[in-house]
């Protein structure tokens, strides 16, 4: 079933990392081109590609860190709502 895979995110002031059975992907915040919201989470956009971050994979601290980053980095509220 799609969406049932377990993943773990680490969010700090320098990077965001996603760990799953397939391995770890770590990207620096300087690589982020935008953050969009969708009904089940956020989509972090890069020059080439994007990483979906489901709300179910974030704890309260991680959610606030992601929001704070987006607000500090991008104008007009940081996170773009879905069209």
Protein backbone atom coordinates (compact mmCIF):
# COMPACT_ATOMS: atom_id res chain seq x y z
CA UNK A 1 0.00 0.00 0.00
CA UNK A 2 1.39 3.36 -1.00
CA UNK A 3 2.03 5.73 1.87
CA UNK A 4 2.52 2.99 4.43
CA UNK A 5 6.32 2.99 4.22
CA UNK A 6 8.03 4.18 7.38
CA UNK A 7 10.35 7.14 7.18
CA UNK A 8 12.11 9.31 9.70
CA UNK A 9 13.07 12.95 9.26
CA UNK A 10 15.83 14.90 10.97
CA UNK A 11 15.43 18.66 10.68
CA UNK A 12 18.03 21.07 11.98
CA UNK A 13 19.35 24.52 11.11
CA UNK A 14 21.64 23.24 8.34
CA UNK A 15 19.73 20.45 6.60
CA UNK A 16 16.80 18.11 6.34
CA UNK A 17 17.40 14.37 6.17
CA UNK A 18 14.97 11.59 5.27
CA UNK A 19 15.81 8.06 6.36
CA UNK A 20 13.92 5.01 5.09
CA UNK A 21 14.63 1.39 4.16
CA UNK A 22 16.18 2.68 0.94
CA UNK A 23 18.79 4.73 2.83
CA UNK A 24 19.27 8.35 3.79
CA UNK A 25 18.89 11.49 1.71
CA UNK A 26 20.31 14.66 3.26
CA UNK A 27 19.86 18.06 1.63
CA UNK A 28 21.03 21.43 2.89
CA UNK A 29 18.55 24.25 3.39
CA UNK A 30 20.56 26.27 0.89
CA UNK A 31 19.37 23.79 -1.78
CA UNK A 32 15.67 24.37 -1.03
CA UNK A 33 13.84 26.43 -3.68
CA UNK A 34 10.43 26.45 -2.00
CA UNK A 35 8.01 24.72 0.36
CA UNK A 36 4.43 23.94 -0.63
CA UNK A 37 1.68 22.60 1.57
CA UNK A 38 -0.78 19.92 0.61
CA UNK A 39 -3.56 18.17 2.51
CA UNK A 40 -1.30 15.54 4.09
CA UNK A 41 1.96 17.42 4.53
CA UNK A 42 4.59 19.55 2.85
CA UNK A 43 6.50 19.27 -0.39
CA UNK A 44 10.06 20.61 -0.19
CA UNK A 45 11.16 21.75 -3.65
CA UNK A 46 14.71 21.58 -5.00
CA UNK A 47 16.25 22.65 -8.32
CA UNK A 48 15.72 19.10 -9.51
CA UNK A 49 13.02 17.19 -7.70
CA UNK A 50 11.13 17.41 -4.46
CA UNK A 51 10.73 15.56 -1.16
CA UNK A 52 7.25 14.98 0.26
CA UNK A 53 7.08 15.26 4.03
CA UNK A 54 3.86 13.78 5.42
CA UNK A 55 2.56 15.30 8.66
CA UNK A 56 2.43 11.78 10.14
CA UNK A 57 6.24 11.62 9.94
CA UNK A 58 6.87 14.83 11.89
CA UNK A 59 6.73 15.52 15.58
CA UNK A 60 5.79 18.94 16.93
CA UNK A 61 9.39 20.20 17.14
CA UNK A 62 10.15 19.15 13.56
CA UNK A 63 6.96 20.76 12.29
CA UNK A 64 7.88 24.06 13.96
CA UNK A 65 11.44 23.90 12.61
CA UNK A 66 10.17 23.38 9.08
CA UNK A 67 7.69 26.25 9.41
CA UNK A 68 10.33 28.54 10.92
CA UNK A 69 12.75 27.79 8.11
CA UNK A 70 10.14 28.47 5.45
CA UNK A 71 9.09 31.73 7.11
CA UNK A 72 12.68 32.95 7.42
CA UNK A 73 13.68 31.93 3.91
CA UNK A 74 10.70 32.70 1.69
CA UNK A 75 8.57 35.82 1.45
CA UNK A 76 4.78 35.95 1.78
CA UNK A 77 4.48 33.58 4.69
CA UNK A 78 7.05 31.01 3.63
CA UNK A 79 4.87 28.06 2.74
CA UNK A 80 2.86 28.22 -0.46
CA UNK A 81 -0.62 26.72 -0.18
CA UNK A 82 -1.80 24.35 -2.90
CA UNK A 83 -3.29 25.96 -6.00
